[in-house]
Amino acid sequence: MTITAALILFAVTWFMVFFVVLPIRFTAQADQGEVVPGTPKSAPADHLVGKKARITTLITLVVWVGLIWFITSGILSVRDIDFMGRMGPAPLGQVD
């Protein structure tokens, strides 16, 4: 795996985890009863984005290391999921 591929995998994983973490412990302005003029009632009442970004980074590091290990271990290859048999036999000397 190249460094660029690893960084892209980290970025994609980070955003996926961030969108899962973002709504956790969310309180809207309408829930607290104080709506700032010019903002929607559903706007966040507290600013926990920085804390959620740090939590996301820690979770992503664990998931990312697991994904890197799985991808580079060779447990599953493209030929393993070729159910239609379109790739043909592996070339001589190549281990799948």
Protein backbone atom coordinates (compact mmCIF):
# COMPACT_ATOMS: atom_id res chain seq x y z
CA MET A 1 0.00 0.00 0.00
CA THR A 2 1.36 3.39 -0.93
CA ILE A 3 1.54 6.36 1.43
CA THR A 4 -1.05 8.20 -0.65
CA ALA A 5 -3.47 5.27 -0.46
CA ALA A 6 -2.97 5.04 3.31
CA LEU A 7 -3.65 8.78 3.73
CA ILE A 8 -6.77 8.61 1.58
CA LEU A 9 -7.98 5.60 3.57
CA PHE A 10 -7.37 7.56 6.78
CA ALA A 11 -9.29 10.60 5.48
CA VAL A 12 -12.27 8.57 4.29
CA THR A 13 -12.36 6.61 7.55
CA TRP A 14 -12.05 9.82 9.58
CA PHE A 15 -15.05 11.44 7.89
CA MET A 16 -17.14 8.28 8.19
CA VAL A 17 -16.40 8.04 11.91
CA PHE A 18 -16.94 11.80 12.33
CA PHE A 19 -20.44 11.61 10.86
CA VAL A 20 -21.23 8.79 13.30
CA VAL A 21 -19.82 10.66 16.32
CA LEU A 22 -21.29 14.08 15.44
CA PRO A 23 -24.90 13.48 16.55
CA ILE A 24 -23.89 11.83 19.86
CA ARG A 25 -24.86 14.03 22.85
CA PHE A 26 -26.26 16.68 20.51
CA THR A 27 -28.41 19.38 22.11
CA ALA A 28 -30.27 21.84 19.92
CA GLN A 29 -31.01 25.43 20.87
CA ALA A 30 -34.72 24.60 20.94
CA ASP A 31 -34.02 21.84 23.51
CA GLN A 32 -32.39 24.34 25.85
CA GLY A 33 -35.05 26.98 25.30
CA GLU A 34 -32.73 29.75 24.10
CA VAL A 35 -32.68 30.36 20.36
CA VAL A 36 -30.15 32.93 19.21
CA PRO A 37 -31.79 35.37 16.78
CA GLY A 38 -30.84 34.64 13.17
CA THR A 39 -30.18 30.93 13.76
CA PRO A 40 -32.50 27.96 13.27
CA LYS A 41 -33.98 26.18 16.27
CA SER A 42 -32.08 23.05 15.31
CA ALA A 43 -28.66 24.75 15.55
CA PRO A 44 -26.32 23.29 18.19
CA ALA A 45 -26.49 24.91 21.61
CA ASP A 46 -22.98 23.89 22.65
CA HIS A 47 -19.70 23.88 20.76
CA LEU A 48 -18.35 20.34 21.10
CA VAL A 49 -16.99 20.01 17.56
CA GLY A 50 -13.34 20.19 18.66
CA LYS A 51 -13.85 17.52 21.31
CA LYS A 52 -15.74 15.33 18.84
CA ALA A 53 -12.94 15.78 16.29
CA ARG A 54 -10.35 14.57 18.83
CA ILE A 55 -12.53 11.58 19.77
CA THR A 56 -13.01 10.85 16.06
CA THR A 57 -9.25 10.93 15.48
CA LEU A 58 -8.59 8.43 18.28
CA ILE A 59 -11.29 6.04 17.07
CA THR A 60 -10.12 6.44 13.47
CA LEU A 61 -6.54 5.55 14.37
CA VAL A 62 -7.67 2.22 15.81
CA VAL A 63 -9.96 1.44 12.86
CA TRP A 64 -7.35 2.63 10.33
CA VAL A 65 -4.61 0.40 11.74
CA GLY A 66 -7.02 -2.55 11.58
CA LEU A 67 -7.91 -1.75 7.97
CA ILE A 68 -4.24 -1.34 6.97
CA TRP A 69 -3.43 -4.70 8.56
CA PHE A 70 -6.36 -6.39 6.80
CA ILE A 71 -5.53 -4.93 3.40
CA THR A 72 -1.79 -5.68 3.56
CA SER A 73 -2.13 -9.12 5.17
CA GLY A 74 -3.43 -10.78 2.01
CA ILE A 75 -6.23 -12.60 3.83
CA LEU A 76 -8.64 -11.52 1.11
CA SER A 77 -7.63 -10.75 -2.45
CA VAL A 78 -9.49 -9.55 -5.51
CA ARG A 79 -9.45 -13.09 -6.91
CA ASP A 80 -11.26 -14.31 -3.78
CA ILE A 81 -14.26 -12.11 -4.56
CA ASP A 82 -14.29 -12.81 -8.32
CA PHE A 83 -17.50 -14.83 -8.31
CA MET A 84 -18.02 -14.58 -12.07
CA GLY A 85 -14.56 -16.01 -12.86
CA ARG A 86 -13.63 -13.13 -15.15
CA MET A 87 -10.05 -12.78 -13.89
CA GLY A 88 -9.00 -16.23 -15.03
CA PRO A 89 -6.35 -18.33 -13.35
CA ALA A 90 -3.52 -16.69 -11.43
CA PRO A 91 -0.24 -16.36 -13.35
CA LEU A 92 2.43 -18.92 -12.53
CA GLY A 93 4.41 -18.02 -9.46
CA GLN A 94 1.78 -15.63 -8.07
CA VAL A 95 0.42 -16.55 -4.68
CA ASP A 96 -3.13 -15.47 -3.91
